[in-house]
Amino acid sequence: EYFSEDPFLAGEIAAAFVNGVQSKGIGTSLKHFAGNNQETRRMTIDTVADERALREIYLTAFEKTVRQASPWTIMCAYNRLNGEYCAENKWLLTDVLRGDWGYKGMIVTDWGAENDRVSGLLAGQELEMPTSNGEGNRQIAEAVKDGRIDEAFLDKMVDNVLDVILKAKDVLGEYDYDKKAHHAKAREIASQCMVLLK
């Protein structure tokens, strides 16, 4: 999931990859934003770093990719960053990503990374993955009713989701999908990649 330990090189490779994929009308999701540096306890760890280290090391590849390629979506990480979960971290998602870098796409959680749907939305994250079977939507509706979320703010967040849906819809008609043929090709590729160990 990472191209290089070097922030500059990782950013250059990621931007080129995103530009290449998206030149075919297929969206990408840049992940895991940010400070996702280990697998052990990755869903609960608190990555603690000062702003200089974050901007010079940990965020550089993301910034280069956003500025040079504008991925359709960015996926926030499971971990905390300086005490706040990335999916609910307003400084990370709104101040830095949208404010400093001018990101216009959609922000989505990693699978199951949502901890508080309303806090996540207010921090700038539009889409919770996977579905919470309506629970997240109920929380948002309650927050609108009790004034914690302004309807105009919610409309903007919904627009960001719809923008991605409409981009994808425009492209879907250009690609043929044969489920049986694709499944057979996937099995063929998998069989050629197997390594047997004694």
N, C-alpha and C. Protein backbone atom coordinates (compact mmCIF):
# COMPACT_ATOMS: atom_id res chain seq x y z
N GLU A 1 0.81 -1.20 0.00
CA GLU A 1 0.00 0.00 0.00
C GLU A 1 0.84 1.26 0.00
N TYR A 2 2.15 1.09 0.06
CA TYR A 2 3.02 2.26 0.08
C TYR A 2 4.08 2.10 -1.01
N PHE A 3 4.44 3.21 -1.65
CA PHE A 3 5.40 3.16 -2.74
C PHE A 3 6.83 3.31 -2.27
N SER A 4 7.05 4.05 -1.20
CA SER A 4 8.42 4.30 -0.76
C SER A 4 8.42 4.89 0.63
N GLU A 5 9.53 4.70 1.34
CA GLU A 5 9.70 5.37 2.63
C GLU A 5 10.01 6.85 2.43
N ASP A 6 10.49 7.20 1.25
CA ASP A 6 10.85 8.59 0.98
C ASP A 6 9.59 9.38 0.61
N PRO A 7 9.26 10.44 1.35
CA PRO A 7 8.02 11.17 1.10
C PRO A 7 7.93 11.78 -0.30
N PHE A 8 9.04 12.32 -0.80
CA PHE A 8 9.03 12.92 -2.13
C PHE A 8 8.78 11.87 -3.20
N LEU A 9 9.54 10.78 -3.14
CA LEU A 9 9.40 9.71 -4.13
C LEU A 9 8.00 9.09 -4.07
N ALA A 10 7.51 8.82 -2.86
CA ALA A 10 6.17 8.24 -2.72
C ALA A 10 5.12 9.16 -3.34
N GLY A 11 5.25 10.45 -3.13
CA GLY A 11 4.31 11.41 -3.71
C GLY A 11 4.37 11.44 -5.22
N GLU A 12 5.58 11.40 -5.77
CA GLU A 12 5.72 11.41 -7.23
C GLU A 12 5.13 10.16 -7.86
N ILE A 13 5.40 9.01 -7.25
CA ILE A 13 4.87 7.75 -7.80
C ILE A 13 3.35 7.70 -7.65
N ALA A 14 2.85 8.09 -6.48
CA ALA A 14 1.40 8.07 -6.25
C ALA A 14 0.68 9.01 -7.20
N ALA A 15 1.21 10.20 -7.39
CA ALA A 15 0.57 11.16 -8.30
C ALA A 15 0.54 10.61 -9.72
N ALA A 16 1.63 10.01 -10.16
CA ALA A 16 1.68 9.43 -11.50
C ALA A 16 0.67 8.29 -11.63
N PHE A 17 0.59 7.46 -10.61
CA PHE A 17 -0.36 6.34 -10.62
C PHE A 17 -1.80 6.85 -10.70
N VAL A 18 -2.14 7.81 -9.83
CA VAL A 18 -3.49 8.36 -9.81
C VAL A 18 -3.83 9.01 -11.15
N ASN A 19 -2.90 9.80 -11.68
CA ASN A 19 -3.14 10.43 -12.99
C ASN A 19 -3.35 9.39 -14.08
N GLY A 20 -2.58 8.32 -14.04
CA GLY A 20 -2.72 7.27 -15.05
C GLY A 20 -4.06 6.57 -14.97
N VAL A 21 -4.45 6.16 -13.78
CA VAL A 21 -5.74 5.48 -13.61
C VAL A 21 -6.90 6.41 -13.97
N GLN A 22 -6.85 7.62 -13.43
CA GLN A 22 -7.97 8.53 -13.64
C GLN A 22 -8.05 9.05 -15.07
N SER A 23 -6.95 8.93 -15.84
CA SER A 23 -7.01 9.32 -17.25
C SER A 23 -7.93 8.39 -18.04
N LYS A 24 -8.23 7.23 -17.48
CA LYS A 24 -9.15 6.27 -18.10
C LYS A 24 -10.57 6.45 -17.58
N GLY A 25 -10.80 7.48 -16.75
CA GLY A 25 -12.14 7.73 -16.22
C GLY A 25 -12.48 6.88 -15.02
N ILE A 26 -11.47 6.29 -14.41
CA ILE A 26 -11.67 5.43 -13.25
C ILE A 26 -11.14 6.16 -12.03
N GLY A 27 -11.96 6.28 -10.99
CA GLY A 27 -11.56 7.00 -9.79
C GLY A 27 -10.60 6.21 -8.93
N THR A 28 -9.81 6.94 -8.15
CA THR A 28 -8.89 6.32 -7.20
C THR A 28 -9.24 6.79 -5.80
N SER A 29 -8.71 6.05 -4.81
CA SER A 29 -8.87 6.44 -3.41
C SER A 29 -7.50 6.41 -2.76
N LEU A 30 -7.01 7.58 -2.42
CA LEU A 30 -5.71 7.72 -1.78
C LEU A 30 -5.86 7.37 -0.30
N LYS A 31 -5.01 6.48 0.18
CA LYS A 31 -5.14 6.04 1.56
C LYS A 31 -3.77 5.74 2.18
N HIS A 32 -3.70 5.55 3.42
CA HIS A 32 -4.61 5.76 4.54
C HIS A 32 -4.20 7.06 5.21
N PHE A 33 -5.05 8.02 5.18
CA PHE A 33 -4.77 9.40 5.57
C PHE A 33 -5.09 9.58 7.05
N ALA A 34 -4.13 9.72 7.89
CA ALA A 34 -2.69 9.78 7.76
C ALA A 34 -2.06 9.26 9.06
N GLY A 35 -0.76 9.04 9.01
CA GLY A 35 -0.03 8.55 10.18
C GLY A 35 -0.27 7.08 10.43
N ASN A 36 -0.66 6.35 9.41
CA ASN A 36 -0.92 4.91 9.51
C ASN A 36 0.38 4.18 9.25
N ASN A 37 1.19 4.03 10.29
CA ASN A 37 2.55 3.54 10.10
C ASN A 37 2.82 2.15 10.64
N GLN A 38 1.81 1.47 11.13
CA GLN A 38 2.05 0.13 11.67
C GLN A 38 0.78 -0.69 11.58
N GLU A 39 0.94 -2.01 11.58
CA GLU A 39 -0.21 -2.91 11.54
C GLU A 39 -0.68 -3.27 12.95
N THR A 40 0.25 -3.38 13.90
CA THR A 40 -0.12 -3.74 15.27
C THR A 40 -0.99 -2.63 15.87
N ARG A 41 -2.18 -3.01 16.32
CA ARG A 41 -3.13 -2.08 16.93
C ARG A 41 -3.46 -0.89 16.03
N ARG A 42 -3.43 -1.11 14.72
CA ARG A 42 -3.62 0.01 13.79
C ARG A 42 -4.99 0.67 13.90
N MET A 43 -5.96 -0.01 14.48
CA MET A 43 -7.30 0.57 14.61
C MET A 43 -7.44 1.45 15.85
N THR A 44 -6.48 1.37 16.75
CA THR A 44 -6.60 2.13 18.00
C THR A 44 -5.37 2.95 18.36
N ILE A 45 -4.28 2.73 17.68
CA ILE A 45 -3.03 3.41 18.02
C ILE A 45 -3.18 4.93 17.88
N ASP A 46 -2.44 5.65 18.68
CA ASP A 46 -2.41 7.11 18.58
C ASP A 46 -1.04 7.51 18.04
N THR A 47 -0.99 7.96 16.80
CA THR A 47 0.25 8.44 16.21
C THR A 47 0.46 9.87 16.71
N VAL A 48 1.54 10.07 17.44
CA VAL A 48 1.84 11.38 18.01
C VAL A 48 3.03 11.97 17.27
N ALA A 49 2.81 13.11 16.64
CA ALA A 49 3.88 13.78 15.89
C ALA A 49 3.59 15.28 15.87
N ASP A 50 4.65 16.07 15.96
CA ASP A 50 4.43 17.52 15.91
C ASP A 50 4.12 17.94 14.47
N GLU A 51 3.64 19.16 14.32
CA GLU A 51 3.18 19.61 13.01
C GLU A 51 4.30 19.64 11.98
N ARG A 52 5.50 20.00 12.39
CA ARG A 52 6.61 20.04 11.43
C ARG A 52 6.90 18.65 10.89
N ALA A 53 6.98 17.66 11.77
CA ALA A 53 7.23 16.28 11.32
C ALA A 53 6.09 15.81 10.42
N LEU A 54 4.87 16.13 10.80
CA LEU A 54 3.74 15.72 9.97
C LEU A 54 3.84 16.31 8.57
N ARG A 55 4.05 17.61 8.50
CA ARG A 55 4.06 18.27 7.19
C ARG A 55 5.29 17.93 6.35
N GLU A 56 6.43 17.70 6.98
CA GLU A 56 7.65 17.42 6.22
C GLU A 56 7.83 15.94 5.87
N ILE A 57 7.25 15.06 6.67
CA ILE A 57 7.46 13.63 6.46
C ILE A 57 6.16 12.89 6.16
N TYR A 58 5.23 12.91 7.10
CA TYR A 58 4.06 12.04 7.02
C TYR A 58 2.99 12.50 6.04
N LEU A 59 2.88 13.78 5.80
CA LEU A 59 1.83 14.28 4.91
C LEU A 59 2.33 14.63 3.51
N THR A 60 3.64 14.66 3.32
CA THR A 60 4.21 15.11 2.05
C THR A 60 3.71 14.32 0.84
N ALA A 61 3.72 13.01 0.93
CA ALA A 61 3.28 12.19 -0.22
C ALA A 61 1.80 12.43 -0.52
N PHE A 62 1.00 12.58 0.52
CA PHE A 62 -0.42 12.88 0.32
C PHE A 62 -0.59 14.24 -0.34
N GLU A 63 0.13 15.23 0.16
CA GLU A 63 0.00 16.58 -0.40
C GLU A 63 0.39 16.61 -1.88
N LYS A 64 1.52 15.98 -2.21
CA LYS A 64 1.96 15.95 -3.61
C LYS A 64 0.89 15.29 -4.49
N THR A 65 0.31 14.20 -4.02
CA THR A 65 -0.69 13.48 -4.81
C THR A 65 -1.95 14.31 -4.99
N VAL A 66 -2.40 14.96 -3.91
CA VAL A 66 -3.59 15.80 -4.00
C VAL A 66 -3.36 16.94 -4.97
N ARG A 67 -2.25 17.61 -4.84
CA ARG A 67 -1.98 18.79 -5.67
C ARG A 67 -1.70 18.43 -7.14
N GLN A 68 -1.05 17.29 -7.38
CA GLN A 68 -0.66 16.93 -8.74
C GLN A 68 -1.68 16.04 -9.46
N ALA A 69 -2.58 15.39 -8.69
CA ALA A 69 -3.45 14.42 -9.35
C ALA A 69 -4.92 14.49 -8.94
N SER A 70 -5.25 15.09 -7.83
CA SER A 70 -6.63 15.23 -7.36
C SER A 70 -7.41 13.92 -7.42
N PRO A 71 -7.08 12.97 -6.57
CA PRO A 71 -7.82 11.70 -6.56
C PRO A 71 -9.30 11.93 -6.26
N TRP A 72 -10.16 11.07 -6.81
CA TRP A 72 -11.60 11.23 -6.61
C TRP A 72 -11.95 11.15 -5.13
N THR A 73 -11.30 10.22 -4.41
CA THR A 73 -11.59 10.07 -2.99
C THR A 73 -10.30 9.93 -2.20
N ILE A 74 -10.41 10.24 -0.92
CA ILE A 74 -9.31 10.00 0.02
C ILE A 74 -9.91 9.23 1.18
N MET A 75 -9.22 8.17 1.58
CA MET A 75 -9.68 7.31 2.67
C MET A 75 -8.91 7.63 3.94
N CYS A 76 -9.65 8.02 4.98
CA CYS A 76 -8.96 8.30 6.25
C CYS A 76 -8.65 6.99 6.98
N ALA A 77 -7.58 7.04 7.75
CA ALA A 77 -7.05 5.87 8.43
C ALA A 77 -7.85 5.52 9.68
N TYR A 78 -7.58 4.33 10.21
CA TYR A 78 -8.20 3.88 11.45
C TYR A 78 -7.64 4.61 12.67
N ASN A 79 -6.36 4.84 12.66
CA ASN A 79 -5.66 5.31 13.86
C ASN A 79 -6.07 6.71 14.30
N ARG A 80 -5.63 7.03 15.51
CA ARG A 80 -5.74 8.41 15.99
C ARG A 80 -4.50 9.17 15.51
N LEU A 81 -4.65 10.45 15.36
CA LEU A 81 -3.52 11.33 15.06
C LEU A 81 -3.54 12.42 16.12
N ASN A 82 -2.54 12.40 16.96
CA ASN A 82 -2.45 13.34 18.09
C ASN A 82 -3.74 13.38 18.90
N GLY A 83 -4.25 12.19 19.19
CA GLY A 83 -5.38 12.05 20.11
C GLY A 83 -6.75 11.95 19.47
N GLU A 84 -6.90 12.30 18.20
CA GLU A 84 -8.21 12.24 17.54
C GLU A 84 -8.18 11.22 16.41
N TYR A 85 -9.23 10.39 16.33
CA TYR A 85 -9.30 9.46 15.22
C TYR A 85 -9.27 10.22 13.91
N CYS A 86 -8.55 9.70 12.93
CA CYS A 86 -8.41 10.38 11.64
C CYS A 86 -9.76 10.64 10.98
N ALA A 87 -10.72 9.73 11.16
CA ALA A 87 -12.04 9.89 10.56
C ALA A 87 -12.84 11.03 11.18
N GLU A 88 -12.39 11.53 12.32
CA GLU A 88 -13.08 12.63 13.01
C GLU A 88 -12.15 13.80 13.30
N ASN A 89 -11.04 13.87 12.58
CA ASN A 89 -10.01 14.86 12.87
C ASN A 89 -10.17 16.07 11.94
N LYS A 90 -10.81 17.12 12.46
CA LYS A 90 -11.10 18.31 11.65
C LYS A 90 -9.82 18.99 11.16
N TRP A 91 -8.80 19.05 12.00
CA TRP A 91 -7.54 19.67 11.57
C TRP A 91 -6.99 18.96 10.34
N LEU A 92 -7.02 17.64 10.35
CA LEU A 92 -6.48 16.85 9.25
C LEU A 92 -7.35 16.94 7.99
N LEU A 93 -8.66 16.71 8.15
CA LEU A 93 -9.55 16.60 7.00
C LEU A 93 -9.99 17.94 6.41
N THR A 94 -10.25 18.91 7.27
CA THR A 94 -10.76 20.20 6.79
C THR A 94 -9.66 21.25 6.70
N ASP A 95 -8.94 21.45 7.79
CA ASP A 95 -7.94 22.52 7.80
C ASP A 95 -6.80 22.24 6.82
N VAL A 96 -6.23 21.04 6.89
CA VAL A 96 -5.08 20.73 6.04
C VAL A 96 -5.52 20.29 4.65
N LEU A 97 -6.29 19.20 4.58
CA LEU A 97 -6.64 18.60 3.28
C LEU A 97 -7.46 19.55 2.40
N ARG A 98 -8.52 20.07 2.92
CA ARG A 98 -9.38 20.96 2.11
C ARG A 98 -8.88 22.40 2.12
N GLY A 99 -8.48 22.89 3.29
CA GLY A 99 -8.07 24.29 3.40
C GLY A 99 -6.71 24.57 2.79
N ASP A 100 -5.68 23.92 3.31
CA ASP A 100 -4.32 24.19 2.84
C ASP A 100 -4.05 23.65 1.44
N TRP A 101 -4.56 22.46 1.14
CA TRP A 101 -4.25 21.83 -0.14
C TRP A 101 -5.33 22.02 -1.19
N GLY A 102 -6.49 22.49 -0.82
CA GLY A 102 -7.56 22.74 -1.79
C GLY A 102 -8.25 21.50 -2.32
N TYR A 103 -8.26 20.41 -1.56
CA TYR A 103 -8.88 19.17 -2.03
C TYR A 103 -10.37 19.34 -2.21
N LYS A 104 -10.89 18.89 -3.37
CA LYS A 104 -12.30 19.05 -3.71
C LYS A 104 -13.07 17.73 -3.75
N GLY A 105 -12.38 16.61 -3.63
CA GLY A 105 -13.04 15.31 -3.76
C GLY A 105 -13.77 14.88 -2.51
N MET A 106 -14.05 13.59 -2.43
CA MET A 106 -14.82 13.02 -1.33
C MET A 106 -13.89 12.32 -0.34
N ILE A 107 -14.19 12.46 0.94
CA ILE A 107 -13.43 11.79 1.98
C ILE A 107 -14.28 10.65 2.52
N VAL A 108 -13.69 9.46 2.55
CA VAL A 108 -14.39 8.24 2.96
C VAL A 108 -13.60 7.58 4.09
N THR A 109 -14.30 6.88 4.97
CA THR A 109 -13.60 6.17 6.04
C THR A 109 -13.03 4.86 5.52
N ASP A 110 -12.00 4.39 6.20
CA ASP A 110 -11.58 3.01 5.98
C ASP A 110 -12.73 2.13 6.49
N TRP A 111 -12.69 0.86 6.15
CA TRP A 111 -13.77 -0.06 6.46
C TRP A 111 -13.92 -0.22 7.98
N GLY A 112 -14.99 0.38 8.51
CA GLY A 112 -15.24 0.29 9.95
C GLY A 112 -14.49 1.31 10.79
N ALA A 113 -13.91 2.33 10.15
CA ALA A 113 -13.12 3.31 10.90
C ALA A 113 -13.98 4.41 11.55
N GLU A 114 -15.26 4.43 11.26
CA GLU A 114 -16.13 5.45 11.86
C GLU A 114 -16.34 5.15 13.33
N ASN A 115 -16.12 6.15 14.17
CA ASN A 115 -16.33 6.00 15.61
C ASN A 115 -17.51 6.84 16.08
N ASP A 116 -17.71 7.99 15.45
CA ASP A 116 -18.81 8.89 15.78
C ASP A 116 -19.22 9.57 14.49
N ARG A 117 -20.39 9.17 13.95
CA ARG A 117 -20.81 9.63 12.61
C ARG A 117 -20.95 11.14 12.52
N VAL A 118 -21.53 11.75 13.52
CA VAL A 118 -21.73 13.19 13.48
C VAL A 118 -20.40 13.92 13.56
N SER A 119 -19.52 13.49 14.46
CA SER A 119 -18.19 14.11 14.56
C SER A 119 -17.41 13.96 13.27
N GLY A 120 -17.53 12.79 12.64
CA GLY A 120 -16.84 12.56 11.37
C GLY A 120 -17.32 13.50 10.29
N LEU A 121 -18.63 13.63 10.19
CA LEU A 121 -19.21 14.53 9.19
C LEU A 121 -18.77 15.97 9.43
N LEU A 122 -18.85 16.41 10.67
CA LEU A 122 -18.46 17.78 11.01
C LEU A 122 -16.97 18.03 10.79
N ALA A 123 -16.17 16.96 10.87
CA ALA A 123 -14.73 17.09 10.63
C ALA A 123 -14.41 17.18 9.14
N GLY A 124 -15.39 16.81 8.28
CA GLY A 124 -15.17 16.93 6.85
C GLY A 124 -15.23 15.63 6.08
N GLN A 125 -15.59 14.54 6.73
CA GLN A 125 -15.62 13.22 6.10
C GLN A 125 -17.05 12.90 5.68
N GLU A 126 -17.24 12.65 4.37
CA GLU A 126 -18.60 12.48 3.84
C GLU A 126 -19.17 11.08 3.97
N LEU A 127 -18.38 10.06 3.70
CA LEU A 127 -18.95 8.71 3.53
C LEU A 127 -18.39 7.73 4.55
N GLU A 128 -19.31 7.09 5.25
CA GLU A 128 -18.98 6.05 6.22
C GLU A 128 -19.02 4.70 5.50
N MET A 129 -17.94 3.92 5.64
CA MET A 129 -17.91 2.59 5.04
C MET A 129 -17.61 1.54 6.09
N PRO A 130 -18.29 0.41 6.13
CA PRO A 130 -19.46 0.09 5.31
C PRO A 130 -20.69 0.77 5.90
N THR A 131 -21.83 0.40 5.41
CA THR A 131 -23.07 0.95 5.94
C THR A 131 -23.24 0.58 7.42
N SER A 132 -23.88 1.43 8.15
CA SER A 132 -24.23 1.11 9.54
C SER A 132 -25.72 0.75 9.61
N ASN A 133 -26.25 0.35 8.46
CA ASN A 133 -27.66 -0.05 8.35
C ASN A 133 -28.61 1.03 8.83
N GLY A 134 -28.29 2.28 8.48
CA GLY A 134 -29.17 3.39 8.79
C GLY A 134 -28.86 4.10 10.10
N GLU A 135 -28.02 3.54 10.94
CA GLU A 135 -27.72 4.16 12.23
C GLU A 135 -27.00 5.50 12.05
N GLY A 136 -26.00 5.55 11.18
CA GLY A 136 -25.29 6.80 10.92
C GLY A 136 -26.23 7.86 10.37
N ASN A 137 -27.11 7.46 9.45
CA ASN A 137 -28.08 8.39 8.88
C ASN A 137 -29.03 8.92 9.96
N ARG A 138 -29.45 8.04 10.87
CA ARG A 138 -30.32 8.46 11.96
C ARG A 138 -29.63 9.50 12.84
N GLN A 139 -28.34 9.25 13.13
CA GLN A 139 -27.58 10.19 13.96
C GLN A 139 -27.46 11.55 13.26
N ILE A 140 -27.22 11.53 11.96
CA ILE A 140 -27.12 12.79 11.20
C ILE A 140 -28.46 13.53 11.21
N ALA A 141 -29.55 12.81 10.98
CA ALA A 141 -30.88 13.44 10.99
C ALA A 141 -31.17 14.07 12.35
N GLU A 142 -30.83 13.38 13.41
CA GLU A 142 -31.03 13.93 14.76
C GLU A 142 -30.18 15.18 14.97
N ALA A 143 -28.94 15.15 14.47
CA ALA A 143 -28.05 16.30 14.62
C ALA A 143 -28.56 17.51 13.85
N VAL A 144 -29.21 17.28 12.70
CA VAL A 144 -29.81 18.38 11.94
C VAL A 144 -31.00 18.94 12.72
N LYS A 145 -31.83 18.04 13.25
CA LYS A 145 -33.01 18.47 14.00
C LYS A 145 -32.65 19.29 15.24
N ASP A 146 -31.59 18.86 15.95
CA ASP A 146 -31.25 19.58 17.18
C ASP A 146 -30.24 20.72 16.96
N GLY A 147 -29.91 20.99 15.68
CA GLY A 147 -29.10 22.17 15.36
C GLY A 147 -27.59 21.97 15.39
N ARG A 148 -27.12 20.76 15.61
CA ARG A 148 -25.67 20.53 15.62
C ARG A 148 -25.09 20.55 14.21
N ILE A 149 -25.91 20.20 13.22
CA ILE A 149 -25.48 20.24 11.81
C ILE A 149 -26.43 21.15 11.05
N ASP A 150 -25.88 22.12 10.35
CA ASP A 150 -26.66 23.02 9.52
C ASP A 150 -27.02 22.31 8.21
N GLU A 151 -28.24 22.49 7.73
CA GLU A 151 -28.67 21.83 6.50
C GLU A 151 -27.81 22.21 5.30
N ALA A 152 -27.37 23.46 5.24
CA ALA A 152 -26.52 23.89 4.11
C ALA A 152 -25.20 23.13 4.13
N PHE A 153 -24.65 22.89 5.32
CA PHE A 153 -23.42 22.11 5.45
C PHE A 153 -23.66 20.68 4.98
N LEU A 154 -24.75 20.09 5.40
CA LEU A 154 -25.09 18.73 5.00
C LEU A 154 -25.28 18.64 3.49
N ASP A 155 -25.94 19.65 2.90
CA ASP A 155 -26.13 19.67 1.44
C ASP A 155 -24.79 19.64 0.71
N LYS A 156 -23.80 20.38 1.21
CA LYS A 156 -22.47 20.41 0.59
C LYS A 156 -21.82 19.04 0.67
N MET A 157 -21.96 18.39 1.81
CA MET A 157 -21.37 17.06 1.98
C MET A 157 -22.04 16.05 1.03
N VAL A 158 -23.35 16.14 0.90
CA VAL A 158 -24.08 15.26 -0.01
C VAL A 158 -23.65 15.53 -1.45
N ASP A 159 -23.46 16.79 -1.81
CA ASP A 159 -22.99 17.15 -3.16
C ASP A 159 -21.67 16.47 -3.48
N ASN A 160 -20.75 16.40 -2.52
CA ASN A 160 -19.46 15.76 -2.75
C ASN A 160 -19.63 14.27 -3.07
N VAL A 161 -20.55 13.62 -2.38
CA VAL A 161 -20.83 12.20 -2.65
C VAL A 161 -21.46 12.05 -4.03
N LEU A 162 -22.43 12.90 -4.33
CA LEU A 162 -23.10 12.82 -5.64
C LEU A 162 -22.14 13.10 -6.79
N ASP A 163 -21.18 14.00 -6.59
CA ASP A 163 -20.19 14.28 -7.63
C ASP A 163 -19.43 13.01 -8.03
N VAL A 164 -19.05 12.22 -7.03
CA VAL A 164 -18.32 10.97 -7.32
C VAL A 164 -19.24 9.97 -8.01
N ILE A 165 -20.46 9.86 -7.54
CA ILE A 165 -21.43 8.94 -8.16
C ILE A 165 -21.64 9.31 -9.62
N LEU A 166 -21.82 10.59 -9.90
CA LEU A 166 -22.07 11.03 -11.27
C LEU A 166 -20.85 10.83 -12.17
N LYS A 167 -19.65 11.07 -11.63
CA LYS A 167 -18.43 10.79 -12.42
C LYS A 167 -18.37 9.32 -12.80
N ALA A 168 -18.64 8.45 -11.82
CA ALA A 168 -18.59 7.01 -12.07
C ALA A 168 -19.68 6.59 -13.05
N LYS A 169 -20.86 7.16 -12.90
CA LYS A 169 -21.98 6.81 -13.78
C LYS A 169 -21.66 7.18 -15.23
N ASP A 170 -21.00 8.31 -15.43
CA ASP A 170 -20.63 8.73 -16.78
C ASP A 170 -19.71 7.73 -17.45
N VAL A 171 -18.90 7.05 -16.66
CA VAL A 171 -17.90 6.13 -17.20
C VAL A 171 -18.43 4.72 -17.35
N LEU A 172 -19.39 4.33 -16.51
CA LEU A 172 -19.84 2.94 -16.48
C LEU A 172 -20.30 2.42 -17.84
N GLY A 173 -20.95 3.24 -18.63
CA GLY A 173 -21.43 2.80 -19.93
C GLY A 173 -20.31 2.47 -20.90
N GLU A 174 -19.10 2.92 -20.64
CA GLU A 174 -17.98 2.69 -21.54
C GLU A 174 -17.31 1.34 -21.33
N TYR A 175 -17.64 0.64 -20.24
CA TYR A 175 -16.95 -0.60 -19.91
C TYR A 175 -17.94 -1.76 -19.88
N ASP A 176 -17.53 -2.86 -20.51
CA ASP A 176 -18.33 -4.07 -20.46
C ASP A 176 -17.85 -4.92 -19.29
N TYR A 177 -18.80 -5.52 -18.59
CA TYR A 177 -18.46 -6.38 -17.46
C TYR A 177 -19.15 -7.70 -17.62
N ASP A 178 -18.37 -8.75 -17.80
CA ASP A 178 -18.87 -10.11 -17.91
C ASP A 178 -18.41 -10.85 -16.66
N LYS A 179 -19.33 -11.05 -15.73
CA LYS A 179 -18.98 -11.62 -14.43
C LYS A 179 -18.27 -12.98 -14.56
N LYS A 180 -18.78 -13.86 -15.39
CA LYS A 180 -18.17 -15.18 -15.53
C LYS A 180 -16.78 -15.09 -16.14
N ALA A 181 -16.63 -14.28 -17.17
CA ALA A 181 -15.32 -14.14 -17.81
C ALA A 181 -14.30 -13.51 -16.87
N HIS A 182 -14.72 -12.48 -16.13
CA HIS A 182 -13.81 -11.83 -15.19
C HIS A 182 -13.42 -12.77 -14.05
N HIS A 183 -14.37 -13.57 -13.57
CA HIS A 183 -14.08 -14.52 -12.52
C HIS A 183 -13.10 -15.58 -13.02
N ALA A 184 -13.31 -16.07 -14.22
CA ALA A 184 -12.40 -17.07 -14.80
C ALA A 184 -10.99 -16.49 -14.95
N LYS A 185 -10.90 -15.24 -15.41
CA LYS A 185 -9.59 -14.60 -15.57
C LYS A 185 -8.91 -14.43 -14.20
N ALA A 186 -9.67 -14.05 -13.18
CA ALA A 186 -9.11 -13.89 -11.84
C ALA A 186 -8.58 -15.22 -11.31
N ARG A 187 -9.30 -16.32 -11.55
CA ARG A 187 -8.84 -17.64 -11.11
C ARG A 187 -7.56 -18.04 -11.86
N GLU A 188 -7.53 -17.75 -13.16
CA GLU A 188 -6.34 -18.06 -13.96
C GLU A 188 -5.12 -17.30 -13.44
N ILE A 189 -5.29 -16.02 -13.20
CA ILE A 189 -4.19 -15.19 -12.69
C ILE A 189 -3.75 -15.69 -11.31
N ALA A 190 -4.70 -16.00 -10.45
CA ALA A 190 -4.37 -16.48 -9.10
C ALA A 190 -3.61 -17.79 -9.16
N SER A 191 -4.01 -18.68 -10.07
CA SER A 191 -3.33 -19.98 -10.17
C SER A 191 -1.88 -19.83 -10.64
N GLN A 192 -1.61 -18.80 -11.44
CA GLN A 192 -0.25 -18.56 -11.93
C GLN A 192 0.62 -17.84 -10.90
N CYS A 193 -0.01 -17.33 -9.84
CA CYS A 193 0.73 -16.59 -8.82
C CYS A 193 1.05 -17.43 -7.60
N MET A 194 0.56 -18.65 -7.56
CA MET A 194 0.72 -19.47 -6.35
C MET A 194 2.18 -19.87 -6.16
N VAL A 195 2.58 -19.86 -4.91
CA VAL A 195 3.90 -20.33 -4.52
C VAL A 195 3.69 -21.43 -3.49
N LEU A 196 4.23 -22.62 -3.75
CA LEU A 196 4.07 -23.73 -2.82
C LEU A 196 5.30 -23.81 -1.94
N LEU A 197 5.07 -23.98 -0.65
CA LEU A 197 6.17 -24.11 0.30
C LEU A 197 6.25 -25.53 0.82
N LYS A 198 7.47 -26.04 0.97
CA LYS A 198 7.64 -27.36 1.58
C LYS A 198 7.71 -27.19 3.07
